[in-house]
């Protein structure tokens, strides 16, 4: 049986919002990130899922037993990388003042709740360095 305390890692979550600036360009802003611990899958698909011909639309999953933290769909997260933070805990931005020094590598696409077990799974989709979703599975 899998222990819910093993193989946990630090994951940073932040809300990303986009707004138009004076020139009409979309500018992304990031909220103050929160660090939580969770188990991250290596891939999204299980062998039996691929055998049935189902191609998942997600890159990976996070499994969490923390009932106090409830992220929302669309939040960005740093799973394989650690964000660079300012002294006040906000995201450090690059020389352009817009993009983060270390961009997020995943976005939460779906929250999968369990009816009976005290866990939540968050389906993730990989992001490239510019914030666009990467279609790894052909979905």
N, C-alpha and C. Protein backbone atom coordinates (compact mmCIF):
# COMPACT_ATOMS: atom_id res chain seq x y z
N UNK A 1 0.84 -1.18 0.00
CA UNK A 1 0.00 0.00 0.00
C UNK A 1 0.88 1.24 0.00
N UNK A 2 0.48 2.25 -0.71
CA UNK A 2 1.25 3.46 -0.83
C UNK A 2 1.03 4.36 0.38
N UNK A 3 2.13 4.80 0.96
CA UNK A 3 2.03 5.69 2.12
C UNK A 3 1.81 7.12 1.64
N UNK A 4 0.96 7.83 2.35
CA UNK A 4 0.70 9.21 1.94
C UNK A 4 1.76 10.18 2.45
N UNK A 5 2.76 9.67 3.14
CA UNK A 5 3.82 10.53 3.66
C UNK A 5 5.12 10.40 2.89
N UNK A 6 5.24 9.42 2.02
CA UNK A 6 6.48 9.23 1.29
C UNK A 6 6.43 9.93 -0.06
N UNK A 7 7.57 10.22 -0.59
CA UNK A 7 7.74 10.81 -1.93
C UNK A 7 7.02 12.14 -2.10
N UNK A 8 6.89 12.89 -1.02
CA UNK A 8 6.29 14.21 -1.14
C UNK A 8 7.38 15.21 -1.53
N UNK A 9 6.96 16.24 -2.24
CA UNK A 9 7.90 17.28 -2.62
C UNK A 9 7.24 18.63 -2.45
N UNK A 10 8.07 19.67 -2.40
CA UNK A 10 7.56 21.03 -2.28
C UNK A 10 7.05 21.49 -3.64
N UNK A 11 5.84 22.03 -3.65
CA UNK A 11 5.22 22.54 -4.86
C UNK A 11 4.71 23.95 -4.55
N UNK A 12 5.05 24.88 -5.41
CA UNK A 12 4.61 26.26 -5.24
C UNK A 12 3.42 26.52 -6.16
N UNK A 13 2.38 27.13 -5.61
CA UNK A 13 1.16 27.45 -6.36
C UNK A 13 0.95 28.97 -6.33
N UNK A 14 0.50 29.53 -7.46
CA UNK A 14 0.20 30.97 -7.51
C UNK A 14 -0.94 31.20 -8.49
N UNK A 15 -1.67 32.27 -8.25
CA UNK A 15 -2.74 32.67 -9.14
C UNK A 15 -2.13 33.57 -10.21
N UNK A 16 -2.44 33.26 -11.46
CA UNK A 16 -1.96 34.07 -12.58
C UNK A 16 -3.16 34.79 -13.19
N UNK A 17 -3.05 36.10 -13.32
CA UNK A 17 -4.11 36.88 -13.94
C UNK A 17 -3.51 37.65 -15.11
N UNK A 18 -4.33 37.89 -16.10
CA UNK A 18 -3.89 38.65 -17.26
C UNK A 18 -4.78 39.86 -17.42
N UNK A 19 -4.17 41.00 -17.65
CA UNK A 19 -4.91 42.24 -17.85
C UNK A 19 -4.26 43.03 -18.97
N UNK A 20 -5.02 43.88 -19.60
CA UNK A 20 -4.50 44.72 -20.68
C UNK A 20 -3.79 45.94 -20.09
N UNK A 21 -2.65 46.27 -20.67
CA UNK A 21 -1.96 47.48 -20.25
C UNK A 21 -2.44 48.66 -21.10
N UNK A 22 -1.78 49.80 -20.98
CA UNK A 22 -2.20 51.00 -21.70
C UNK A 22 -2.12 50.84 -23.22
N UNK A 23 -1.21 49.98 -23.69
CA UNK A 23 -1.06 49.75 -25.13
C UNK A 23 -2.02 48.69 -25.67
N UNK A 24 -2.77 48.05 -24.79
CA UNK A 24 -3.69 47.00 -25.21
C UNK A 24 -3.08 45.61 -25.22
N UNK A 25 -1.84 45.49 -24.77
CA UNK A 25 -1.18 44.18 -24.69
C UNK A 25 -1.58 43.47 -23.40
N UNK A 26 -1.69 42.14 -23.47
CA UNK A 26 -1.99 41.36 -22.27
C UNK A 26 -0.73 41.22 -21.44
N UNK A 27 -0.84 41.54 -20.17
CA UNK A 27 0.28 41.44 -19.24
C UNK A 27 -0.13 40.51 -18.11
N UNK A 28 0.69 39.50 -17.85
CA UNK A 28 0.40 38.54 -16.79
C UNK A 28 0.96 39.03 -15.46
N UNK A 29 0.18 38.88 -14.41
CA UNK A 29 0.65 39.17 -13.06
C UNK A 29 0.45 37.92 -12.22
N UNK A 30 1.33 37.73 -11.26
CA UNK A 30 1.31 36.55 -10.42
C UNK A 30 1.07 36.94 -8.97
N UNK A 31 0.18 36.20 -8.32
CA UNK A 31 -0.05 36.42 -6.90
C UNK A 31 1.10 35.84 -6.09
N UNK A 32 1.07 36.08 -4.80
CA UNK A 32 2.11 35.57 -3.92
C UNK A 32 1.99 34.05 -3.85
N UNK A 33 3.06 33.33 -4.15
CA UNK A 33 2.95 31.86 -4.19
C UNK A 33 2.87 31.24 -2.80
N UNK A 34 2.18 30.11 -2.75
CA UNK A 34 2.07 29.32 -1.53
C UNK A 34 2.76 27.98 -1.76
N UNK A 35 3.54 27.55 -0.78
CA UNK A 35 4.23 26.27 -0.89
C UNK A 35 3.45 25.22 -0.11
N UNK A 36 3.18 24.10 -0.78
CA UNK A 36 2.52 22.96 -0.16
C UNK A 36 3.24 21.70 -0.60
N UNK A 37 3.08 20.66 0.18
CA UNK A 37 3.73 19.39 -0.14
C UNK A 37 2.71 18.42 -0.71
N UNK A 38 3.14 17.68 -1.74
CA UNK A 38 2.27 16.70 -2.36
C UNK A 38 3.08 15.68 -3.12
N UNK A 39 2.43 14.62 -3.53
CA UNK A 39 3.06 13.57 -4.32
C UNK A 39 2.75 13.84 -5.78
N UNK A 40 3.78 13.87 -6.61
CA UNK A 40 3.62 14.17 -8.03
C UNK A 40 3.90 12.89 -8.82
N UNK A 41 2.99 12.56 -9.74
CA UNK A 41 3.17 11.37 -10.57
C UNK A 41 4.26 11.63 -11.60
N UNK A 42 4.84 10.56 -12.12
CA UNK A 42 5.85 10.70 -13.17
C UNK A 42 5.18 11.06 -14.49
N UNK A 43 4.07 10.43 -14.80
CA UNK A 43 3.30 10.72 -16.02
C UNK A 43 1.82 10.69 -15.66
N UNK A 44 0.99 11.05 -16.60
CA UNK A 44 -0.45 11.07 -16.35
C UNK A 44 -1.11 9.74 -16.65
N UNK A 45 -0.60 8.99 -17.59
CA UNK A 45 -1.25 7.76 -18.02
C UNK A 45 -0.79 6.55 -17.25
N UNK A 46 -1.69 5.66 -16.98
CA UNK A 46 -1.37 4.37 -16.40
C UNK A 46 -1.33 3.36 -17.53
N UNK A 47 -0.58 2.27 -17.41
CA UNK A 47 -0.51 1.30 -18.51
C UNK A 47 -1.87 0.77 -18.96
N UNK A 48 -2.78 0.53 -18.02
CA UNK A 48 -4.08 0.01 -18.42
C UNK A 48 -4.90 1.06 -19.17
N UNK A 49 -4.66 2.34 -18.88
CA UNK A 49 -5.38 3.40 -19.58
C UNK A 49 -4.91 3.47 -21.03
N UNK A 50 -3.60 3.40 -21.24
CA UNK A 50 -3.07 3.44 -22.60
C UNK A 50 -3.53 2.19 -23.37
N UNK A 51 -3.62 1.04 -22.69
CA UNK A 51 -4.06 -0.19 -23.34
C UNK A 51 -5.49 -0.13 -23.82
N UNK A 52 -6.30 0.68 -23.15
CA UNK A 52 -7.70 0.83 -23.56
C UNK A 52 -7.86 1.85 -24.69
N UNK A 53 -6.76 2.47 -25.08
CA UNK A 53 -6.82 3.44 -26.17
C UNK A 53 -7.17 4.84 -25.72
N UNK A 54 -7.18 5.10 -24.41
CA UNK A 54 -7.48 6.42 -23.89
C UNK A 54 -6.19 7.20 -23.73
N UNK A 55 -6.11 8.36 -24.34
CA UNK A 55 -4.93 9.22 -24.21
C UNK A 55 -5.29 10.37 -23.28
N UNK A 56 -4.68 10.44 -22.10
CA UNK A 56 -5.04 11.51 -21.16
C UNK A 56 -4.61 12.88 -21.68
N UNK A 57 -5.38 13.89 -21.34
CA UNK A 57 -5.08 15.26 -21.78
C UNK A 57 -4.23 16.00 -20.76
N UNK A 58 -3.68 15.29 -19.81
CA UNK A 58 -2.89 15.90 -18.75
C UNK A 58 -1.49 15.33 -18.76
N UNK A 59 -0.55 16.12 -18.28
CA UNK A 59 0.84 15.69 -18.25
C UNK A 59 1.16 14.88 -17.00
N UNK A 60 0.68 15.35 -15.84
CA UNK A 60 0.98 14.71 -14.56
C UNK A 60 -0.17 14.97 -13.60
N UNK A 61 -0.09 14.32 -12.45
CA UNK A 61 -1.07 14.52 -11.38
C UNK A 61 -0.35 14.84 -10.08
N UNK A 62 -0.99 15.65 -9.25
CA UNK A 62 -0.54 15.86 -7.88
C UNK A 62 -1.58 15.21 -6.99
N UNK A 63 -1.14 14.42 -6.03
CA UNK A 63 -2.03 13.81 -5.05
C UNK A 63 -1.76 14.49 -3.72
N UNK A 64 -2.82 15.00 -3.08
CA UNK A 64 -2.66 15.71 -1.82
C UNK A 64 -3.71 15.25 -0.82
N UNK A 65 -3.29 15.15 0.44
CA UNK A 65 -4.20 14.80 1.52
C UNK A 65 -4.50 16.02 2.40
N UNK A 66 -4.00 17.18 2.01
CA UNK A 66 -4.18 18.41 2.77
C UNK A 66 -5.55 19.01 2.48
N UNK A 67 -6.46 18.90 3.44
CA UNK A 67 -7.81 19.42 3.25
C UNK A 67 -7.86 20.94 3.39
N UNK A 68 -6.86 21.52 4.02
CA UNK A 68 -6.87 22.96 4.26
C UNK A 68 -6.47 23.77 3.02
N UNK A 69 -5.81 23.14 2.07
CA UNK A 69 -5.39 23.84 0.87
C UNK A 69 -6.23 23.38 -0.30
N UNK A 70 -6.92 24.30 -0.91
CA UNK A 70 -7.78 23.96 -2.05
C UNK A 70 -7.45 24.88 -3.21
N UNK A 71 -6.48 24.51 -4.05
CA UNK A 71 -6.18 25.34 -5.21
C UNK A 71 -7.33 25.28 -6.21
N UNK A 72 -7.34 26.23 -7.11
CA UNK A 72 -8.40 26.31 -8.12
C UNK A 72 -7.83 25.98 -9.49
N UNK A 73 -8.71 25.62 -10.39
CA UNK A 73 -8.29 25.36 -11.76
C UNK A 73 -7.76 26.64 -12.37
N UNK A 74 -6.68 26.52 -13.11
CA UNK A 74 -6.05 27.68 -13.73
C UNK A 74 -4.86 28.23 -12.95
N UNK A 75 -4.68 27.77 -11.72
CA UNK A 75 -3.50 28.20 -10.95
C UNK A 75 -2.25 27.62 -11.59
N UNK A 76 -1.17 28.38 -11.60
CA UNK A 76 0.10 27.88 -12.10
C UNK A 76 0.89 27.31 -10.94
N UNK A 77 1.79 26.38 -11.26
CA UNK A 77 2.60 25.79 -10.20
C UNK A 77 4.01 25.48 -10.70
N UNK A 78 4.91 25.47 -9.75
CA UNK A 78 6.30 25.14 -9.98
C UNK A 78 6.54 23.78 -9.35
N UNK A 79 6.65 22.75 -10.18
CA UNK A 79 6.79 21.38 -9.70
C UNK A 79 8.25 20.92 -9.80
N UNK A 80 8.80 20.98 -11.00
CA UNK A 80 10.17 20.52 -11.23
C UNK A 80 11.20 21.60 -11.01
N UNK A 81 10.76 22.82 -10.85
CA UNK A 81 11.66 23.95 -10.60
C UNK A 81 11.16 24.70 -9.37
N UNK A 82 12.04 25.53 -8.81
CA UNK A 82 11.69 26.34 -7.65
C UNK A 82 11.68 27.80 -8.07
N UNK A 83 10.60 28.53 -7.78
CA UNK A 83 10.57 29.94 -8.20
C UNK A 83 11.56 30.78 -7.41
N UNK A 84 12.05 31.83 -8.04
CA UNK A 84 12.88 32.80 -7.35
C UNK A 84 11.95 33.82 -6.71
N UNK A 85 12.10 34.01 -5.41
CA UNK A 85 11.21 34.88 -4.65
C UNK A 85 11.95 36.12 -4.16
N UNK A 86 11.22 37.23 -4.06
CA UNK A 86 11.75 38.44 -3.45
C UNK A 86 11.73 38.28 -1.94
N UNK A 87 12.28 39.25 -1.22
CA UNK A 87 12.31 39.21 0.24
C UNK A 87 10.91 39.19 0.85
N UNK A 88 9.95 39.81 0.18
CA UNK A 88 8.58 39.84 0.71
C UNK A 88 7.76 38.62 0.31
N UNK A 89 8.36 37.66 -0.41
CA UNK A 89 7.67 36.42 -0.78
C UNK A 89 6.98 36.47 -2.11
N UNK A 90 7.08 37.55 -2.85
CA UNK A 90 6.46 37.64 -4.17
C UNK A 90 7.40 37.07 -5.22
N UNK A 91 6.88 36.83 -6.41
CA UNK A 91 7.66 36.28 -7.51
C UNK A 91 8.65 37.32 -8.02
N UNK A 92 9.92 36.93 -8.15
CA UNK A 92 10.94 37.82 -8.71
C UNK A 92 10.76 37.88 -10.22
N UNK A 93 10.69 39.08 -10.75
CA UNK A 93 10.51 39.28 -12.18
C UNK A 93 11.85 39.55 -12.85
N UNK A 94 11.91 39.24 -14.14
CA UNK A 94 13.12 39.44 -14.91
C UNK A 94 13.37 40.90 -15.21
N UNK A 95 14.34 41.16 -16.08
CA UNK A 95 14.73 42.53 -16.40
C UNK A 95 13.63 43.29 -17.13
N UNK A 96 12.72 42.55 -17.79
CA UNK A 96 11.61 43.22 -18.48
C UNK A 96 10.51 43.67 -17.52
N UNK A 97 10.54 43.18 -16.28
CA UNK A 97 9.55 43.55 -15.29
C UNK A 97 8.20 42.89 -15.47
N UNK A 98 8.12 41.93 -16.40
CA UNK A 98 6.84 41.28 -16.68
C UNK A 98 6.90 39.79 -16.40
N UNK A 99 7.87 39.11 -16.97
CA UNK A 99 7.95 37.65 -16.84
C UNK A 99 8.80 37.27 -15.63
N UNK A 100 8.43 36.17 -14.96
CA UNK A 100 9.20 35.74 -13.79
C UNK A 100 10.58 35.22 -14.20
N UNK A 101 11.53 35.32 -13.26
CA UNK A 101 12.88 34.82 -13.50
C UNK A 101 12.81 33.32 -13.78
N UNK A 102 12.06 32.59 -12.97
CA UNK A 102 11.83 31.16 -13.19
C UNK A 102 10.35 31.00 -13.49
N UNK A 103 9.97 30.77 -14.75
CA UNK A 103 8.55 30.67 -15.08
C UNK A 103 7.94 29.38 -14.53
N UNK A 104 6.62 29.38 -14.29
CA UNK A 104 5.96 28.16 -13.83
C UNK A 104 6.04 27.08 -14.90
N UNK A 105 6.08 25.82 -14.47
CA UNK A 105 6.19 24.74 -15.45
C UNK A 105 4.91 23.94 -15.62
N UNK A 106 3.88 24.18 -14.80
CA UNK A 106 2.60 23.47 -14.95
C UNK A 106 1.45 24.39 -14.59
N UNK A 107 0.26 24.02 -15.08
CA UNK A 107 -0.98 24.70 -14.73
C UNK A 107 -1.99 23.62 -14.32
N UNK A 108 -2.83 23.94 -13.32
CA UNK A 108 -3.86 22.99 -12.89
C UNK A 108 -5.02 23.07 -13.88
N UNK A 109 -5.31 21.95 -14.53
CA UNK A 109 -6.38 21.91 -15.51
C UNK A 109 -7.67 21.33 -14.95
N UNK A 110 -7.56 20.43 -13.97
CA UNK A 110 -8.76 19.80 -13.43
C UNK A 110 -8.51 19.35 -12.00
N UNK A 111 -9.53 19.46 -11.17
CA UNK A 111 -9.47 18.98 -9.79
C UNK A 111 -10.35 17.76 -9.71
N UNK A 112 -9.76 16.66 -9.26
CA UNK A 112 -10.47 15.39 -9.17
C UNK A 112 -10.65 15.07 -7.69
N UNK A 113 -11.88 15.17 -7.21
CA UNK A 113 -12.17 14.92 -5.80
C UNK A 113 -12.64 13.49 -5.62
N UNK A 114 -12.34 12.93 -4.48
CA UNK A 114 -12.80 11.59 -4.15
C UNK A 114 -14.01 11.69 -3.22
N UNK A 115 -14.99 10.83 -3.44
CA UNK A 115 -16.18 10.84 -2.60
C UNK A 115 -15.91 10.24 -1.22
N UNK A 116 -15.03 9.23 -1.16
CA UNK A 116 -14.85 8.51 0.09
C UNK A 116 -13.47 8.69 0.70
N UNK A 117 -12.44 8.81 -0.12
CA UNK A 117 -11.08 8.94 0.41
C UNK A 117 -10.77 10.40 0.73
N UNK A 118 -9.92 10.63 1.74
CA UNK A 118 -9.58 12.01 2.11
C UNK A 118 -8.45 12.57 1.25
N UNK A 119 -8.59 12.47 -0.06
CA UNK A 119 -7.52 12.97 -0.93
C UNK A 119 -8.11 13.73 -2.09
N UNK A 120 -7.25 14.52 -2.71
CA UNK A 120 -7.60 15.24 -3.93
C UNK A 120 -6.48 15.04 -4.93
N UNK A 121 -6.87 14.95 -6.19
CA UNK A 121 -5.88 14.86 -7.27
C UNK A 121 -6.06 16.08 -8.15
N UNK A 122 -4.94 16.62 -8.56
CA UNK A 122 -4.94 17.79 -9.43
C UNK A 122 -4.26 17.40 -10.73
N UNK A 123 -5.01 17.48 -11.84
CA UNK A 123 -4.47 17.15 -13.15
C UNK A 123 -3.71 18.36 -13.68
N UNK A 124 -2.47 18.14 -14.08
CA UNK A 124 -1.60 19.22 -14.51
C UNK A 124 -1.33 19.14 -16.00
N UNK A 125 -1.10 20.29 -16.60
CA UNK A 125 -0.68 20.37 -17.99
C UNK A 125 0.61 21.16 -18.03
N UNK A 126 1.61 20.66 -18.76
CA UNK A 126 2.92 21.30 -18.82
C UNK A 126 2.84 22.63 -19.57
N UNK A 127 3.64 23.59 -19.10
CA UNK A 127 3.77 24.89 -19.75
C UNK A 127 5.17 25.03 -20.32
N UNK A 128 5.29 25.73 -21.44
CA UNK A 128 6.63 26.03 -21.93
C UNK A 128 7.11 27.32 -21.24
N UNK A 129 8.26 27.80 -21.58
CA UNK A 129 8.84 28.98 -20.93
C UNK A 129 8.05 30.25 -21.12
N UNK A 130 7.16 30.28 -22.12
CA UNK A 130 6.38 31.50 -22.38
C UNK A 130 4.99 31.45 -21.75
N UNK A 131 4.65 30.34 -21.09
CA UNK A 131 3.34 30.22 -20.46
C UNK A 131 2.30 29.53 -21.31
N UNK A 132 2.67 29.03 -22.48
CA UNK A 132 1.74 28.31 -23.35
C UNK A 132 1.74 26.83 -22.97
N UNK A 133 0.58 26.19 -23.08
CA UNK A 133 0.48 24.77 -22.76
C UNK A 133 1.17 23.92 -23.81
N UNK A 134 1.84 22.87 -23.36
CA UNK A 134 2.54 21.95 -24.25
C UNK A 134 1.66 20.72 -24.43
N UNK A 135 1.44 20.30 -25.66
CA UNK A 135 0.62 19.14 -25.96
C UNK A 135 1.53 17.93 -26.10
N UNK A 136 1.84 17.29 -24.95
CA UNK A 136 2.78 16.15 -24.94
C UNK A 136 2.14 14.85 -25.38
N UNK A 137 0.85 14.69 -25.12
CA UNK A 137 0.20 13.41 -25.34
C UNK A 137 -0.60 13.36 -26.63
N UNK A 138 -0.60 14.42 -27.38
CA UNK A 138 -1.37 14.42 -28.61
C UNK A 138 -2.84 14.63 -28.40
N UNK A 139 -3.23 15.08 -27.22
CA UNK A 139 -4.65 15.29 -26.93
C UNK A 139 -5.03 16.73 -27.16
